[in-house]
Amino acid sequence: MLAVAAVALLPLAGCTAPEPEPEELTVTGAGARYLDAVCPVNGAWDSVDVEVERLRIALARSEAGDETALGAALTTLERRSLAAAENLDDASVSWPADAEDAIAAVRDSLAADAEQARDVAELSAADAVAHEWEGAERIAATSAKARASLGLPDDPEVACEAR
């Protein structure tokens, strides 16, 4: 009977094991991880920009713009922004001390962008084209600070191409 009780306690002992320490990223490793997270978001932004411009042209010609492509691009932006924010918030890694605040700011910007993309996808074509993205300057500044703290090129396109 005693052996049965001891065996029954074994699974509980495994539950109390301490969490492993986060992997400390080197600046190079952190830079690669950062780019892996944000470069797909940059690609999604390019698609959103193209679709907004298509709608802008259609509306300028007094044509009915097709909001479907913009909606799909915004959904992709939302999905990729959320995935990137989660990647940058991974508790199993520790960012270099000089980059921690910048990474946190980018992560917060990505989450805000995802929410805003979801909201803009619900707008009419005219309202979507007229929409001014909230926090655009802040987003650019936080991204630039993160790239600088990780020793990455100033230009986000150059940084993504170099990965």
Protein backbone atom coordinates (compact mmCIF):
# COMPACT_ATOMS: atom_id res chain seq x y z
CA MET A 1 0.00 0.00 0.00
CA LEU A 2 2.85 2.37 0.77
CA ALA A 3 4.36 1.82 -2.69
CA VAL A 4 1.08 2.85 -4.33
CA ALA A 5 1.01 6.09 -2.36
CA ALA A 6 4.60 6.92 -3.32
CA VAL A 7 3.90 6.28 -7.00
CA ALA A 8 0.81 8.47 -6.81
CA LEU A 9 2.93 11.37 -5.53
CA LEU A 10 5.53 11.17 -8.27
CA PRO A 11 3.52 13.16 -10.84
CA LEU A 12 3.04 15.95 -8.32
CA ALA A 13 6.76 16.20 -7.70
CA GLY A 14 7.33 16.99 -11.36
CA CYS A 15 4.85 19.86 -11.24
CA THR A 16 6.88 21.75 -8.67
CA ALA A 17 10.11 21.77 -10.64
CA PRO A 18 11.49 25.27 -11.08
CA GLU A 19 11.14 26.99 -14.42
CA PRO A 20 14.35 26.92 -16.47
CA GLU A 21 16.27 30.15 -16.67
CA PRO A 22 15.62 32.12 -19.87
CA GLU A 23 18.20 31.75 -22.60
CA GLU A 24 20.33 34.89 -22.69
CA LEU A 25 20.42 36.10 -26.26
CA THR A 26 23.61 37.55 -27.65
CA VAL A 27 23.25 40.80 -29.56
CA THR A 28 23.65 38.85 -32.81
CA GLY A 29 21.10 36.23 -31.77
CA ALA A 30 18.73 38.90 -30.54
CA GLY A 31 19.06 40.80 -33.81
CA ALA A 32 18.24 37.67 -35.80
CA ARG A 33 15.26 36.87 -33.58
CA TYR A 34 14.01 40.46 -33.82
CA LEU A 35 14.22 40.44 -37.62
CA ASP A 36 12.53 37.04 -37.83
CA ALA A 37 9.65 38.56 -35.87
CA VAL A 38 9.26 41.95 -37.55
CA CYS A 39 10.24 41.40 -41.18
CA PRO A 40 7.02 39.51 -42.01
CA VAL A 41 5.13 42.45 -40.48
CA ASN A 42 7.03 44.83 -42.76
CA GLY A 43 5.98 42.73 -45.75
CA ALA A 44 2.36 42.88 -44.59
CA TRP A 45 2.63 46.67 -44.33
CA ASP A 46 3.84 46.80 -47.94
CA SER A 47 0.73 44.90 -49.03
CA VAL A 48 -1.54 47.19 -47.00
CA ASP A 49 0.10 50.25 -48.58
CA VAL A 50 -0.44 48.85 -52.09
CA GLU A 51 -4.11 48.10 -51.43
CA VAL A 52 -4.74 51.52 -49.87
CA GLU A 53 -3.18 53.14 -52.93
CA ARG A 54 -5.36 51.02 -55.26
CA LEU A 55 -8.45 52.12 -53.39
CA ARG A 56 -7.29 55.74 -53.40
CA ILE A 57 -6.91 55.64 -57.20
CA ALA A 58 -10.30 53.97 -57.69
CA LEU A 59 -12.02 56.53 -55.48
CA ALA A 60 -10.26 59.42 -57.25
CA ARG A 61 -11.68 58.06 -60.52
CA SER A 62 -15.14 57.84 -58.91
CA GLU A 63 -15.02 54.08 -59.27
CA ALA A 64 -16.23 51.63 -56.68
CA GLY A 65 -13.15 50.39 -54.92
CA ASP A 66 -12.89 46.76 -53.94
CA GLU A 67 -12.34 46.64 -50.19
CA THR A 68 -11.81 42.87 -50.18
CA ALA A 69 -8.10 42.97 -50.99
CA LEU A 70 -7.46 45.67 -48.39
CA GLY A 71 -9.41 43.69 -45.81
CA ALA A 72 -7.30 40.61 -46.53
CA ALA A 73 -4.08 42.64 -46.31
CA LEU A 74 -5.19 44.15 -42.99
CA THR A 75 -6.07 40.71 -41.63
CA THR A 76 -2.60 39.50 -42.58
CA LEU A 77 -1.08 42.57 -40.90
CA GLU A 78 -3.10 41.89 -37.76
CA ARG A 79 -2.11 38.21 -37.66
CA ARG A 80 1.58 38.89 -38.31
CA SER A 81 1.70 41.75 -35.80
CA LEU A 82 0.23 39.54 -33.09
CA ALA A 83 2.65 36.72 -33.92
CA ALA A 84 5.60 39.12 -33.83
CA ALA A 85 4.48 40.61 -30.51
CA GLU A 86 4.24 37.11 -29.04
CA ASN A 87 7.68 36.21 -30.41
CA LEU A 88 9.20 39.30 -28.80
CA ASP A 89 7.43 38.48 -25.51
CA ASP A 90 8.78 34.92 -25.24
CA ALA A 91 9.66 34.30 -21.58
CA SER A 92 12.10 31.54 -22.56
CA VAL A 93 14.61 34.14 -23.79
CA SER A 94 16.29 37.13 -22.22
CA TRP A 95 17.03 40.12 -24.46
CA PRO A 96 20.32 42.03 -24.10
CA ALA A 97 19.94 44.63 -21.36
CA ASP A 98 20.51 47.54 -23.76
CA ALA A 99 17.66 46.33 -25.96
CA GLU A 100 15.03 45.29 -23.40
CA ASP A 101 13.12 48.58 -23.26
CA ALA A 102 13.20 49.04 -27.03
CA ILE A 103 11.97 45.49 -27.62
CA ALA A 104 9.15 46.02 -25.12
CA ALA A 105 8.15 49.23 -26.91
CA VAL A 106 8.13 47.48 -30.30
CA ARG A 107 6.11 44.62 -28.83
CA ASP A 108 3.52 47.08 -27.50
CA SER A 109 3.41 48.88 -30.86
CA LEU A 110 2.83 45.60 -32.67
CA ALA A 111 -0.07 44.73 -30.39
CA ALA A 112 -1.59 48.18 -30.91
CA ASP A 113 -1.11 47.86 -34.68
CA ALA A 114 -2.93 44.53 -34.68
CA GLU A 115 -5.91 46.07 -32.93
CA GLN A 116 -5.92 49.08 -35.25
CA ALA A 117 -5.66 46.85 -38.34
CA ARG A 118 -8.73 44.94 -37.15
CA ASP A 119 -10.61 48.24 -36.72
CA VAL A 120 -9.57 49.68 -40.11
CA ALA A 121 -10.63 46.46 -41.85
CA GLU A 122 -14.20 47.30 -40.79
CA LEU A 123 -14.16 50.76 -42.42
CA SER A 124 -15.64 51.70 -45.78
CA ALA A 125 -13.21 52.18 -48.67
CA ALA A 126 -13.33 55.97 -48.36
CA ASP A 127 -12.79 55.89 -44.60
CA ALA A 128 -9.98 53.34 -44.87
CA VAL A 129 -8.18 55.49 -47.44
CA ALA A 130 -8.60 58.60 -45.28
CA HIS A 131 -7.52 56.84 -42.09
CA GLU A 132 -4.34 58.15 -40.50
CA TRP A 133 -2.55 55.39 -38.61
CA GLU A 134 -2.36 56.26 -34.92
CA GLY A 135 1.14 56.24 -33.51
CA ALA A 136 2.96 56.04 -36.84
CA GLU A 137 5.79 58.30 -35.67
CA ARG A 138 6.09 56.43 -32.37
CA ILE A 139 6.22 53.11 -34.21
CA ALA A 140 9.03 54.33 -36.46
CA ALA A 141 10.97 55.72 -33.50
CA THR A 142 10.67 52.57 -31.38
CA SER A 143 11.66 50.37 -34.31
CA ALA A 144 14.69 52.55 -35.04
CA LYS A 145 15.73 52.41 -31.38
CA ALA A 146 15.37 48.61 -31.33
CA ARG A 147 17.45 48.21 -34.50
CA ALA A 148 20.15 50.50 -33.11
CA SER A 149 20.28 48.64 -29.78
CA LEU A 150 20.73 45.37 -31.66
CA GLY A 151 23.39 46.68 -34.04
CA LEU A 152 21.12 46.36 -37.07
CA PRO A 153 21.07 48.68 -40.10
CA ASP A 154 19.11 51.91 -39.73
CA ASP A 155 16.91 51.17 -42.74
CA PRO A 156 14.33 48.45 -41.95
CA GLU A 157 14.31 47.20 -45.55
CA VAL A 158 18.08 46.86 -45.58
CA ALA A 159 17.96 45.10 -42.21
CA CYS A 160 15.37 42.61 -43.45
CA GLU A 161 17.22 41.98 -46.71
CA ALA A 162 20.42 41.26 -44.77
CA ARG A 163 18.88 38.53 -42.63
